[in-house]
Structure formats: C-alpha cells, structure tokens
Amino acid sequence: MLRLLAERGESLAVAESLTGGLVAAEITSVPGASRVFRGSVTSYATELKRDVLGVDGTLLAERGAVDPEVARQMATGVRRVLGADWGIATTGVAGPDEQDGRPVGTVFVAVDGPETGIARPETAGERPGAAVARPEAGGAGFARSRKVAELRLNGDRSEIRRESVRSVLELLLEQLLSERAENERAQDTEQNGGF
C-alpha cells in the first residue's frame, strides 16, 4: 500500500478513535513510510472530532461518534488538516461496554482520497475478509475516491482494535487498486479510440 502511494507521489494521513494510534504505528513500522505518511490525529474525545477534524457537531450530538458519516468526515477532515492526498479513519466500540447505543464490535472505517477524474457508479457489495462489511457510501461521478465500511467484529478489546487496523488499511489498499485498474481501463479505451 505504501509502495503504491509512493509510486503515485501521494500522501496519507490517519484519523483514529478506537484504535488510539495503532494505525499510525502499523504504518510507521514499515521502513520508508516517511515518504508518504504525513501524520495522524488520535481524536479519542468526541469534541476533538468536532474541533480538530471538523466533524459536524450536530451529527455528533444526534448520532454519537460511532457512525458511518462521522467516520467519513473524520477521513475527510484529517486529509484537510494534515494536507494529505488520502485520509483514513477509524471509529467504533472496542468494549467492554456499548457506546452511543452501538454494541461492542461495531466499527466504521473510512477512506477519503483525491478526485479520480473517472466517472464511476456507486459501489456496492461486501468487502472480503471482514466478519460483516457493508459499504455505507461510495463515490459517484467525478468525485473523490471515498468509501465507508461497517464492521461487526468479535473478540476482546485488543482483537477488535487489531482487526480495525487491518480492515482500514485493507480498505485503503482496495481503493488504491480499484482506482489504478479504472485508470488503466480508461487509458486503454483512450488509446483504442474509445472502443
């Protein structure tokens, strides 16, 4: 994933809640990560999601911090705040107690990327590898590469946090590979005179 970002000359920023810095630690464990990794914001407190990342305060008040739109706005906000091409975010309930009416193991992971320049329909379907993954948002038209997935994870607090890290990095990799494949198809079509 970091290699793909480096090849593209793009950067990455991370917004974390339940993972508490584990995503950033995983990224920076890779030699050469500094070529693409801008930094992270661990916004564990709800007001930091609003005040630092720009998550809508009304949304937080009405739905709480464990919400797909909150995850999306966190990813968008960290892109903006840290000046990155790509932003990823985690928010959820690692336990031991439920939060915002959501059971333990409810996690939302999000990716927000640069404009693709490729018209693309809404994405649908399940992500492989997660216990349950349902896309909550997808880009349409000439929009940024953007996706949110809901995870229903089992295990203890540590296992839920580890799986959240793996899932958000996998979601980013899927978006990067999908965008690369779309760009290659578009170039092939253009080279063949639109056929």
N, C-alpha and C. Protein backbone atom coordinates (compact mmCIF):
# COMPACT_ATOMS: atom_id res chain seq x y z
N MET A 1 0.81 -1.18 0.00
CA MET A 1 0.00 0.00 0.00
C MET A 1 0.87 1.26 0.00
N LEU A 2 1.88 1.30 0.88
CA LEU A 2 2.77 2.46 0.92
C LEU A 2 3.55 2.59 -0.39
N ARG A 3 3.92 1.45 -0.95
CA ARG A 3 4.63 1.47 -2.23
C ARG A 3 3.75 2.07 -3.31
N LEU A 4 2.46 1.68 -3.35
CA LEU A 4 1.54 2.23 -4.34
C LEU A 4 1.41 3.75 -4.18
N LEU A 5 1.29 4.21 -2.94
CA LEU A 5 1.20 5.64 -2.71
C LEU A 5 2.47 6.35 -3.17
N ALA A 6 3.63 5.76 -2.87
CA ALA A 6 4.89 6.36 -3.29
C ALA A 6 5.01 6.43 -4.80
N GLU A 7 4.59 5.36 -5.49
CA GLU A 7 4.62 5.34 -6.96
C GLU A 7 3.76 6.45 -7.54
N ARG A 8 2.66 6.74 -6.89
CA ARG A 8 1.74 7.76 -7.35
C ARG A 8 2.13 9.16 -6.90
N GLY A 9 3.11 9.25 -6.00
CA GLY A 9 3.52 10.54 -5.47
C GLY A 9 2.46 11.14 -4.55
N GLU A 10 1.72 10.29 -3.84
CA GLU A 10 0.63 10.75 -2.98
C GLU A 10 0.94 10.48 -1.52
N SER A 11 0.24 11.23 -0.65
CA SER A 11 0.50 11.15 0.78
C SER A 11 -0.74 10.65 1.53
N LEU A 12 -0.52 10.27 2.78
CA LEU A 12 -1.56 9.65 3.61
C LEU A 12 -1.57 10.27 4.99
N ALA A 13 -2.78 10.47 5.53
CA ALA A 13 -2.97 10.91 6.91
C ALA A 13 -4.02 10.02 7.55
N VAL A 14 -3.97 9.88 8.88
CA VAL A 14 -4.83 8.97 9.61
C VAL A 14 -5.56 9.70 10.72
N ALA A 15 -6.86 9.43 10.85
CA ALA A 15 -7.66 9.89 11.99
C ALA A 15 -8.13 8.65 12.74
N GLU A 16 -7.81 8.58 14.02
CA GLU A 16 -8.15 7.39 14.79
C GLU A 16 -8.95 7.75 16.03
N SER A 17 -9.86 6.85 16.36
CA SER A 17 -10.58 6.94 17.63
C SER A 17 -10.32 5.66 18.40
N LEU A 18 -11.11 4.61 18.17
CA LEU A 18 -10.97 3.40 18.98
C LEU A 18 -9.60 2.75 18.87
N THR A 19 -8.89 2.96 17.77
CA THR A 19 -7.58 2.32 17.58
C THR A 19 -6.46 3.08 18.29
N GLY A 20 -6.72 4.29 18.75
CA GLY A 20 -5.80 5.02 19.62
C GLY A 20 -4.36 5.13 19.17
N GLY A 21 -4.10 5.21 17.88
CA GLY A 21 -2.74 5.35 17.38
C GLY A 21 -2.16 4.09 16.77
N LEU A 22 -2.89 2.99 16.84
CA LEU A 22 -2.38 1.72 16.31
C LEU A 22 -2.23 1.73 14.80
N VAL A 23 -3.11 2.45 14.09
CA VAL A 23 -2.99 2.51 12.62
C VAL A 23 -1.70 3.24 12.26
N ALA A 24 -1.46 4.36 12.90
CA ALA A 24 -0.23 5.12 12.63
C ALA A 24 1.00 4.28 12.98
N ALA A 25 0.94 3.55 14.09
CA ALA A 25 2.07 2.70 14.48
C ALA A 25 2.32 1.61 13.45
N GLU A 26 1.26 1.02 12.92
CA GLU A 26 1.41 -0.03 11.90
C GLU A 26 2.04 0.55 10.63
N ILE A 27 1.60 1.72 10.22
CA ILE A 27 2.14 2.35 9.02
C ILE A 27 3.61 2.69 9.20
N THR A 28 3.94 3.28 10.35
CA THR A 28 5.32 3.73 10.56
C THR A 28 6.27 2.60 10.92
N SER A 29 5.75 1.38 11.09
CA SER A 29 6.63 0.23 11.31
C SER A 29 7.31 -0.21 10.02
N VAL A 30 6.83 0.33 8.89
CA VAL A 30 7.39 -0.02 7.57
C VAL A 30 8.51 0.96 7.23
N PRO A 31 9.71 0.44 6.95
CA PRO A 31 10.81 1.33 6.56
C PRO A 31 10.42 2.16 5.33
N GLY A 32 10.73 3.43 5.36
CA GLY A 32 10.43 4.31 4.24
C GLY A 32 9.05 4.92 4.28
N ALA A 33 8.28 4.66 5.34
CA ALA A 33 6.92 5.19 5.44
C ALA A 33 6.90 6.71 5.39
N SER A 34 7.98 7.33 5.81
CA SER A 34 8.02 8.81 5.84
C SER A 34 7.90 9.42 4.45
N ARG A 35 8.11 8.63 3.40
CA ARG A 35 7.96 9.16 2.04
C ARG A 35 6.51 9.50 1.73
N VAL A 36 5.56 8.84 2.40
CA VAL A 36 4.15 9.08 2.09
C VAL A 36 3.31 9.47 3.30
N PHE A 37 3.72 9.09 4.51
CA PHE A 37 2.89 9.30 5.69
C PHE A 37 3.09 10.70 6.26
N ARG A 38 1.99 11.48 6.29
CA ARG A 38 2.04 12.86 6.80
C ARG A 38 1.93 12.91 8.31
N GLY A 39 1.08 12.06 8.88
CA GLY A 39 0.87 12.07 10.32
C GLY A 39 -0.51 11.58 10.67
N SER A 40 -0.85 11.75 11.96
CA SER A 40 -2.15 11.26 12.41
C SER A 40 -2.72 12.15 13.50
N VAL A 41 -4.03 12.03 13.66
CA VAL A 41 -4.75 12.68 14.75
C VAL A 41 -5.50 11.59 15.49
N THR A 42 -5.17 11.40 16.76
CA THR A 42 -5.92 10.46 17.58
C THR A 42 -6.97 11.27 18.33
N SER A 43 -8.16 11.27 17.79
CA SER A 43 -9.27 12.06 18.35
C SER A 43 -10.18 11.15 19.17
N TYR A 44 -9.67 10.73 20.30
CA TYR A 44 -10.41 9.82 21.15
C TYR A 44 -11.64 10.50 21.74
N ALA A 45 -11.48 11.75 22.15
CA ALA A 45 -12.60 12.52 22.71
C ALA A 45 -13.49 13.05 21.58
N THR A 46 -14.79 13.00 21.80
CA THR A 46 -15.75 13.42 20.77
C THR A 46 -15.54 14.87 20.36
N GLU A 47 -15.26 15.76 21.31
CA GLU A 47 -15.09 17.17 20.95
C GLU A 47 -13.88 17.40 20.05
N LEU A 48 -12.87 16.53 20.11
CA LEU A 48 -11.73 16.65 19.21
C LEU A 48 -12.12 16.30 17.78
N LYS A 49 -13.03 15.36 17.63
CA LYS A 49 -13.52 15.04 16.29
C LYS A 49 -14.15 16.29 15.67
N ARG A 50 -14.88 17.03 16.49
CA ARG A 50 -15.53 18.26 16.02
C ARG A 50 -14.52 19.40 15.84
N ASP A 51 -13.74 19.67 16.88
CA ASP A 51 -12.89 20.86 16.90
C ASP A 51 -11.63 20.74 16.06
N VAL A 52 -11.06 19.56 15.97
CA VAL A 52 -9.81 19.38 15.21
C VAL A 52 -10.08 18.88 13.79
N LEU A 53 -10.95 17.88 13.68
CA LEU A 53 -11.17 17.25 12.38
C LEU A 53 -12.34 17.86 11.61
N GLY A 54 -13.13 18.69 12.26
CA GLY A 54 -14.23 19.36 11.56
C GLY A 54 -15.47 18.51 11.37
N VAL A 55 -15.63 17.45 12.18
CA VAL A 55 -16.85 16.64 12.10
C VAL A 55 -18.02 17.50 12.58
N ASP A 56 -19.13 17.43 11.88
CA ASP A 56 -20.30 18.24 12.18
C ASP A 56 -20.79 18.00 13.62
N GLY A 57 -20.88 19.09 14.40
CA GLY A 57 -21.28 18.99 15.80
C GLY A 57 -22.70 18.48 15.98
N THR A 58 -23.60 18.88 15.08
CA THR A 58 -24.99 18.41 15.16
C THR A 58 -25.05 16.91 14.91
N LEU A 59 -24.29 16.44 13.95
CA LEU A 59 -24.22 15.00 13.67
C LEU A 59 -23.74 14.25 14.90
N LEU A 60 -22.69 14.73 15.54
CA LEU A 60 -22.17 14.07 16.73
C LEU A 60 -23.19 14.07 17.86
N ALA A 61 -23.90 15.18 18.02
CA ALA A 61 -24.91 15.28 19.09
C ALA A 61 -26.08 14.34 18.83
N GLU A 62 -26.48 14.21 17.57
CA GLU A 62 -27.65 13.39 17.24
C GLU A 62 -27.34 11.90 17.14
N ARG A 63 -26.19 11.55 16.59
CA ARG A 63 -25.89 10.14 16.33
C ARG A 63 -24.77 9.57 17.19
N GLY A 64 -23.97 10.44 17.78
CA GLY A 64 -22.82 9.97 18.53
C GLY A 64 -21.61 9.79 17.62
N ALA A 65 -20.51 9.38 18.22
CA ALA A 65 -19.25 9.27 17.48
C ALA A 65 -19.12 7.99 16.67
N VAL A 66 -19.95 6.99 16.96
CA VAL A 66 -19.86 5.71 16.27
C VAL A 66 -20.92 5.69 15.18
N ASP A 67 -20.54 6.19 14.02
CA ASP A 67 -21.49 6.42 12.93
C ASP A 67 -20.74 6.44 11.61
N PRO A 68 -21.32 5.94 10.53
CA PRO A 68 -20.60 5.93 9.24
C PRO A 68 -20.28 7.33 8.73
N GLU A 69 -21.18 8.28 8.90
CA GLU A 69 -20.92 9.63 8.42
C GLU A 69 -19.82 10.31 9.25
N VAL A 70 -19.77 9.99 10.54
CA VAL A 70 -18.68 10.51 11.38
C VAL A 70 -17.34 9.98 10.87
N ALA A 71 -17.28 8.69 10.56
CA ALA A 71 -16.04 8.11 10.03
C ALA A 71 -15.64 8.80 8.73
N ARG A 72 -16.62 9.02 7.84
CA ARG A 72 -16.31 9.68 6.57
C ARG A 72 -15.78 11.08 6.80
N GLN A 73 -16.43 11.84 7.68
CA GLN A 73 -15.98 13.20 7.95
C GLN A 73 -14.63 13.23 8.65
N MET A 74 -14.33 12.23 9.47
CA MET A 74 -13.01 12.15 10.07
C MET A 74 -11.93 11.96 9.01
N ALA A 75 -12.19 11.07 8.04
CA ALA A 75 -11.21 10.83 6.98
C ALA A 75 -11.02 12.08 6.12
N THR A 76 -12.12 12.76 5.82
CA THR A 76 -12.04 13.99 5.04
C THR A 76 -11.32 15.08 5.82
N GLY A 77 -11.64 15.17 7.11
CA GLY A 77 -11.04 16.20 7.96
C GLY A 77 -9.54 16.04 8.13
N VAL A 78 -9.09 14.80 8.31
CA VAL A 78 -7.65 14.60 8.51
C VAL A 78 -6.88 14.87 7.22
N ARG A 79 -7.51 14.58 6.08
CA ARG A 79 -6.88 14.94 4.79
C ARG A 79 -6.62 16.44 4.73
N ARG A 80 -7.65 17.19 5.10
CA ARG A 80 -7.58 18.65 5.04
C ARG A 80 -6.58 19.19 6.08
N VAL A 81 -6.72 18.76 7.32
CA VAL A 81 -5.90 19.30 8.42
C VAL A 81 -4.41 19.00 8.21
N LEU A 82 -4.10 17.81 7.72
CA LEU A 82 -2.70 17.43 7.56
C LEU A 82 -2.18 17.56 6.13
N GLY A 83 -3.03 18.06 5.23
CA GLY A 83 -2.59 18.32 3.86
C GLY A 83 -2.18 17.08 3.11
N ALA A 84 -2.98 16.02 3.22
CA ALA A 84 -2.66 14.75 2.56
C ALA A 84 -3.57 14.50 1.38
N ASP A 85 -3.12 13.63 0.48
CA ASP A 85 -3.95 13.21 -0.65
C ASP A 85 -5.03 12.23 -0.21
N TRP A 86 -4.69 11.36 0.73
CA TRP A 86 -5.59 10.33 1.22
C TRP A 86 -5.74 10.47 2.72
N GLY A 87 -6.97 10.25 3.21
CA GLY A 87 -7.23 10.19 4.64
C GLY A 87 -7.96 8.90 4.95
N ILE A 88 -7.59 8.27 6.06
CA ILE A 88 -8.31 7.09 6.52
C ILE A 88 -8.71 7.32 7.97
N ALA A 89 -9.79 6.67 8.40
CA ALA A 89 -10.29 6.90 9.75
C ALA A 89 -10.91 5.64 10.34
N THR A 90 -10.84 5.57 11.68
CA THR A 90 -11.49 4.50 12.44
C THR A 90 -12.31 5.11 13.57
N THR A 91 -13.51 4.60 13.76
CA THR A 91 -14.32 4.94 14.92
C THR A 91 -15.18 3.73 15.25
N GLY A 92 -15.40 3.48 16.52
CA GLY A 92 -16.19 2.31 16.88
C GLY A 92 -16.17 2.01 18.35
N VAL A 93 -16.63 0.81 18.68
CA VAL A 93 -16.76 0.39 20.07
C VAL A 93 -15.90 -0.85 20.29
N ALA A 94 -14.79 -0.68 21.00
CA ALA A 94 -13.90 -1.80 21.29
C ALA A 94 -14.28 -2.51 22.59
N GLY A 95 -15.10 -1.88 23.40
CA GLY A 95 -15.54 -2.51 24.64
C GLY A 95 -14.78 -1.98 25.84
N PRO A 96 -15.16 -2.38 27.00
CA PRO A 96 -16.05 -3.50 27.28
C PRO A 96 -17.55 -3.17 27.21
N ASP A 97 -17.90 -1.89 27.17
CA ASP A 97 -19.32 -1.50 27.18
C ASP A 97 -19.75 -0.93 25.84
N GLU A 98 -21.05 -0.97 25.56
CA GLU A 98 -21.57 -0.36 24.34
C GLU A 98 -21.41 1.15 24.43
N GLN A 99 -21.49 1.82 23.29
CA GLN A 99 -21.34 3.28 23.22
C GLN A 99 -22.33 3.82 22.19
N ASP A 100 -22.96 4.92 22.51
CA ASP A 100 -23.90 5.58 21.59
C ASP A 100 -24.97 4.61 21.08
N GLY A 101 -25.36 3.66 21.92
CA GLY A 101 -26.36 2.68 21.52
C GLY A 101 -25.85 1.61 20.59
N ARG A 102 -24.55 1.59 20.35
CA ARG A 102 -23.95 0.59 19.44
C ARG A 102 -23.28 -0.51 20.28
N PRO A 103 -23.47 -1.77 19.88
CA PRO A 103 -22.86 -2.86 20.63
C PRO A 103 -21.35 -2.93 20.42
N VAL A 104 -20.68 -3.58 21.36
CA VAL A 104 -19.25 -3.82 21.26
C VAL A 104 -18.98 -4.56 19.94
N GLY A 105 -17.96 -4.13 19.23
CA GLY A 105 -17.59 -4.74 17.95
C GLY A 105 -18.11 -4.00 16.74
N THR A 106 -18.93 -2.95 16.98
CA THR A 106 -19.39 -2.12 15.86
C THR A 106 -18.29 -1.12 15.53
N VAL A 107 -17.79 -1.16 14.31
CA VAL A 107 -16.69 -0.31 13.89
C VAL A 107 -16.99 0.23 12.51
N PHE A 108 -16.64 1.48 12.29
CA PHE A 108 -16.71 2.08 10.95
C PHE A 108 -15.30 2.50 10.55
N VAL A 109 -14.90 2.10 9.36
CA VAL A 109 -13.61 2.51 8.80
C VAL A 109 -13.90 3.26 7.51
N ALA A 110 -13.09 4.29 7.25
CA ALA A 110 -13.37 5.15 6.10
C ALA A 110 -12.09 5.51 5.37
N VAL A 111 -12.26 5.75 4.07
CA VAL A 111 -11.19 6.23 3.20
C VAL A 111 -11.71 7.43 2.43
N ASP A 112 -10.90 8.46 2.33
CA ASP A 112 -11.24 9.63 1.51
C ASP A 112 -9.99 9.99 0.72
N GLY A 113 -10.13 10.01 -0.61
CA GLY A 113 -8.97 10.25 -1.46
C GLY A 113 -9.17 11.36 -2.45
N PRO A 114 -8.20 11.56 -3.32
CA PRO A 114 -8.27 12.63 -4.31
C PRO A 114 -9.29 12.35 -5.40
N GLU A 115 -9.62 13.37 -6.16
CA GLU A 115 -10.53 13.18 -7.29
C GLU A 115 -9.89 12.24 -8.28
N THR A 116 -10.72 11.33 -8.80
CA THR A 116 -10.20 10.34 -9.73
C THR A 116 -10.24 10.81 -11.17
N GLY A 117 -11.20 11.67 -11.51
CA GLY A 117 -11.35 12.09 -12.90
C GLY A 117 -12.02 11.03 -13.75
N ILE A 118 -12.52 9.97 -13.10
CA ILE A 118 -13.17 8.88 -13.82
C ILE A 118 -14.60 8.77 -13.33
N ALA A 119 -15.55 8.77 -14.26
CA ALA A 119 -16.95 8.57 -13.88
C ALA A 119 -17.11 7.14 -13.38
N ARG A 120 -17.76 7.00 -12.23
CA ARG A 120 -17.83 5.69 -11.62
C ARG A 120 -19.18 5.55 -10.91
N PRO A 121 -19.86 4.42 -11.05
CA PRO A 121 -21.14 4.23 -10.35
C PRO A 121 -20.93 4.02 -8.87
N GLU A 122 -22.02 4.10 -8.10
CA GLU A 122 -21.97 3.80 -6.67
C GLU A 122 -21.42 2.39 -6.50
N THR A 123 -20.59 2.20 -5.47
CA THR A 123 -20.07 0.86 -5.19
C THR A 123 -21.04 0.13 -4.29
N ALA A 124 -21.10 -1.18 -4.46
CA ALA A 124 -21.98 -1.99 -3.62
C ALA A 124 -21.34 -3.35 -3.43
N GLY A 125 -21.85 -4.09 -2.47
CA GLY A 125 -21.35 -5.42 -2.22
C GLY A 125 -20.55 -5.48 -0.95
N GLU A 126 -20.15 -6.69 -0.58
CA GLU A 126 -19.42 -6.87 0.67
C GLU A 126 -17.94 -6.93 0.41
N ARG A 127 -17.17 -6.39 1.39
CA ARG A 127 -15.73 -6.46 1.35
C ARG A 127 -15.30 -7.83 1.87
N PRO A 128 -14.42 -8.51 1.16
CA PRO A 128 -13.95 -9.79 1.67
C PRO A 128 -13.05 -9.58 2.88
N GLY A 129 -13.03 -10.56 3.76
CA GLY A 129 -12.09 -10.52 4.87
C GLY A 129 -12.65 -10.00 6.17
N ALA A 130 -13.73 -9.28 6.17
CA ALA A 130 -14.31 -8.77 7.41
C ALA A 130 -15.46 -9.68 7.83
N ALA A 131 -15.76 -9.70 9.11
CA ALA A 131 -16.84 -10.55 9.60
C ALA A 131 -18.15 -10.18 8.89
N VAL A 132 -18.48 -8.91 8.90
CA VAL A 132 -19.60 -8.38 8.12
C VAL A 132 -19.16 -7.01 7.67
N ALA A 133 -19.25 -6.75 6.40
CA ALA A 133 -18.84 -5.44 5.89
C ALA A 133 -19.87 -4.96 4.89
N ARG A 134 -20.43 -3.80 5.16
CA ARG A 134 -21.40 -3.23 4.24
C ARG A 134 -20.96 -1.84 3.87
N PRO A 135 -20.68 -1.57 2.60
CA PRO A 135 -20.33 -0.21 2.21
C PRO A 135 -21.47 0.74 2.55
N GLU A 136 -21.12 1.87 3.13
CA GLU A 136 -22.12 2.85 3.52
C GLU A 136 -22.16 4.03 2.56
N ALA A 137 -21.06 4.25 1.84
CA ALA A 137 -21.02 5.38 0.92
C ALA A 137 -20.00 5.07 -0.17
N GLY A 138 -20.27 5.54 -1.35
CA GLY A 138 -19.32 5.36 -2.45
C GLY A 138 -19.33 6.60 -3.30
N GLY A 139 -18.27 6.77 -4.06
CA GLY A 139 -18.19 7.94 -4.91
C GLY A 139 -19.00 7.74 -6.18
N ALA A 140 -19.57 8.80 -6.69
CA ALA A 140 -20.28 8.75 -7.95
C ALA A 140 -19.81 9.90 -8.81
N GLY A 141 -19.80 9.70 -10.11
CA GLY A 141 -19.36 10.76 -11.00
C GLY A 141 -17.88 11.02 -10.86
N PHE A 142 -17.49 12.29 -11.02
CA PHE A 142 -16.08 12.66 -10.93
C PHE A 142 -15.78 13.13 -9.52
N ALA A 143 -16.02 12.26 -8.55
CA ALA A 143 -15.84 12.60 -7.14
C ALA A 143 -14.55 12.01 -6.62
N ARG A 144 -14.26 12.37 -5.38
CA ARG A 144 -13.10 11.78 -4.72
C ARG A 144 -13.35 10.29 -4.50
N SER A 145 -12.27 9.56 -4.41
CA SER A 145 -12.35 8.15 -4.07
C SER A 145 -12.70 8.09 -2.59
N ARG A 146 -13.90 7.61 -2.28
CA ARG A 146 -14.40 7.70 -0.92
C ARG A 146 -15.22 6.46 -0.60
N LYS A 147 -14.99 5.88 0.58
CA LYS A 147 -15.73 4.70 0.96
C LYS A 147 -15.75 4.57 2.48
N VAL A 148 -16.88 4.08 3.00
CA VAL A 148 -17.03 3.77 4.41
C VAL A 148 -17.54 2.35 4.52
N ALA A 149 -16.99 1.57 5.43
CA ALA A 149 -17.47 0.21 5.66
C ALA A 149 -17.79 0.02 7.12
N GLU A 150 -18.86 -0.71 7.37
CA GLU A 150 -19.24 -1.07 8.73
C GLU A 150 -18.76 -2.48 9.00
N LEU A 151 -18.13 -2.66 10.15
CA LEU A 151 -17.64 -3.97 10.56
C LEU A 151 -18.39 -4.40 11.82
N ARG A 152 -18.69 -5.67 11.91
CA ARG A 152 -19.25 -6.27 13.13
C ARG A 152 -18.22 -7.29 13.59
N LEU A 153 -17.40 -6.89 14.54
CA LEU A 153 -16.26 -7.70 14.95
C LEU A 153 -16.51 -8.42 16.26
N ASN A 154 -15.92 -9.58 16.39
CA ASN A 154 -15.99 -10.37 17.61
C ASN A 154 -14.63 -10.39 18.27
N GLY A 155 -14.61 -10.74 19.53
CA GLY A 155 -13.36 -10.84 20.26
C GLY A 155 -13.29 -9.84 21.38
N ASP A 156 -12.14 -9.84 22.05
CA ASP A 156 -11.94 -8.90 23.14
C ASP A 156 -11.50 -7.55 22.59
N ARG A 157 -11.31 -6.60 23.48
CA ARG A 157 -10.95 -5.23 23.09
C ARG A 157 -9.72 -5.19 22.19
N SER A 158 -8.70 -5.93 22.57
CA SER A 158 -7.46 -5.96 21.79
C SER A 158 -7.68 -6.52 20.39
N GLU A 159 -8.45 -7.59 20.30
CA GLU A 159 -8.71 -8.22 18.99
C GLU A 159 -9.54 -7.29 18.09
N ILE A 160 -10.52 -6.61 18.67
CA ILE A 160 -11.34 -5.67 17.90
C ILE A 160 -10.49 -4.53 17.37
N ARG A 161 -9.61 -4.01 18.18
CA ARG A 161 -8.75 -2.91 17.74
C ARG A 161 -7.78 -3.37 16.64
N ARG A 162 -7.18 -4.55 16.82
CA ARG A 162 -6.26 -5.07 15.80
C ARG A 162 -6.98 -5.29 14.46
N GLU A 163 -8.18 -5.87 14.51
CA GLU A 163 -8.92 -6.12 13.28
C GLU A 163 -9.35 -4.81 12.62
N SER A 164 -9.62 -3.80 13.43
CA SER A 164 -9.97 -2.47 12.89
C SER A 164 -8.80 -1.89 12.11
N VAL A 165 -7.59 -2.03 12.65
CA VAL A 165 -6.39 -1.55 11.96
C VAL A 165 -6.24 -2.27 10.62
N ARG A 166 -6.32 -3.60 10.66
CA ARG A 166 -6.17 -4.38 9.43
C ARG A 166 -7.23 -3.98 8.41
N SER A 167 -8.47 -3.79 8.88
CA SER A 167 -9.57 -3.50 7.97
C SER A 167 -9.45 -2.14 7.31
N VAL A 168 -9.03 -1.11 8.05
CA VAL A 168 -8.93 0.22 7.43
C VAL A 168 -7.78 0.25 6.43
N LEU A 169 -6.68 -0.45 6.71
CA LEU A 169 -5.57 -0.50 5.76
C LEU A 169 -5.97 -1.30 4.51
N GLU A 170 -6.74 -2.37 4.72
CA GLU A 170 -7.23 -3.16 3.58
C GLU A 170 -8.19 -2.33 2.71
N LEU A 171 -9.05 -1.55 3.37
CA LEU A 171 -9.98 -0.70 2.62
C LEU A 171 -9.22 0.31 1.76
N LEU A 172 -8.17 0.91 2.33
CA LEU A 172 -7.35 1.84 1.55
C LEU A 172 -6.70 1.13 0.37
N LEU A 173 -6.13 -0.04 0.60
CA LEU A 173 -5.49 -0.78 -0.48
C LEU A 173 -6.49 -1.11 -1.58
N GLU A 174 -7.70 -1.54 -1.19
CA GLU A 174 -8.73 -1.83 -2.19
C GLU A 174 -9.05 -0.60 -3.03
N GLN A 175 -9.16 0.56 -2.39
CA GLN A 175 -9.45 1.79 -3.12
C GLN A 175 -8.31 2.14 -4.08
N LEU A 176 -7.08 2.00 -3.62
CA LEU A 176 -5.93 2.30 -4.47
C LEU A 176 -5.88 1.37 -5.68
N LEU A 177 -6.09 0.08 -5.44
CA LEU A 177 -6.06 -0.89 -6.55
C LEU A 177 -7.23 -0.69 -7.50
N SER A 178 -8.40 -0.39 -6.96
CA SER A 178 -9.57 -0.14 -7.79
C SER A 178 -9.36 1.08 -8.67
N GLU A 179 -8.82 2.13 -8.08
CA GLU A 179 -8.58 3.35 -8.84
C GLU A 179 -7.53 3.12 -9.92
N ARG A 180 -6.49 2.36 -9.57
CA ARG A 180 -5.45 2.06 -10.57
C ARG A 180 -6.03 1.27 -11.73
N ALA A 181 -6.87 0.28 -11.44
CA ALA A 181 -7.50 -0.52 -12.50
C ALA A 181 -8.40 0.35 -13.37
N GLU A 182 -9.14 1.27 -12.76
CA GLU A 182 -10.01 2.16 -13.54
C GLU A 182 -9.19 3.08 -14.43
N ASN A 183 -8.08 3.58 -13.91
CA ASN A 183 -7.21 4.44 -14.71
C ASN A 183 -6.63 3.68 -15.90
N GLU A 184 -6.23 2.42 -15.66
CA GLU A 184 -5.68 1.61 -16.75
C GLU A 184 -6.73 1.33 -17.82
N ARG A 185 -7.97 1.05 -17.39
CA ARG A 185 -9.06 0.82 -18.36
C ARG A 185 -9.34 2.08 -19.17
N ALA A 186 -9.33 3.21 -18.49
CA ALA A 186 -9.60 4.48 -19.17
C ALA A 186 -8.50 4.78 -20.19
N GLN A 187 -7.24 4.50 -19.84
CA GLN A 187 -6.13 4.73 -20.77
C GLN A 187 -6.22 3.78 -21.96
N ASP A 188 -6.58 2.51 -21.71
CA ASP A 188 -6.73 1.53 -22.79
C ASP A 188 -7.83 1.98 -23.75
N THR A 189 -8.95 2.46 -23.21
CA THR A 189 -10.06 2.91 -24.04
C THR A 189 -9.65 4.10 -24.87
N GLU A 190 -8.93 5.02 -24.25
CA GLU A 190 -8.48 6.23 -24.97
C GLU A 190 -7.50 5.85 -26.09
N GLN A 191 -6.59 4.94 -25.81
CA GLN A 191 -5.61 4.53 -26.81
C GLN A 191 -6.25 3.77 -27.97
N ASN A 192 -7.39 3.14 -27.71
CA ASN A 192 -8.08 2.39 -28.76
C ASN A 192 -9.17 3.19 -29.41
N GLY A 193 -9.11 4.49 -29.30
CA GLY A 193 -10.07 5.36 -29.98
C GLY A 193 -11.47 5.31 -29.38
N GLY A 194 -11.56 5.01 -28.09
CA GLY A 194 -12.87 4.99 -27.42
C GLY A 194 -13.61 3.69 -27.56
N PHE A 195 -12.95 2.66 -28.07
CA PHE A 195 -13.62 1.36 -28.26
C PHE A 195 -13.12 0.36 -27.26
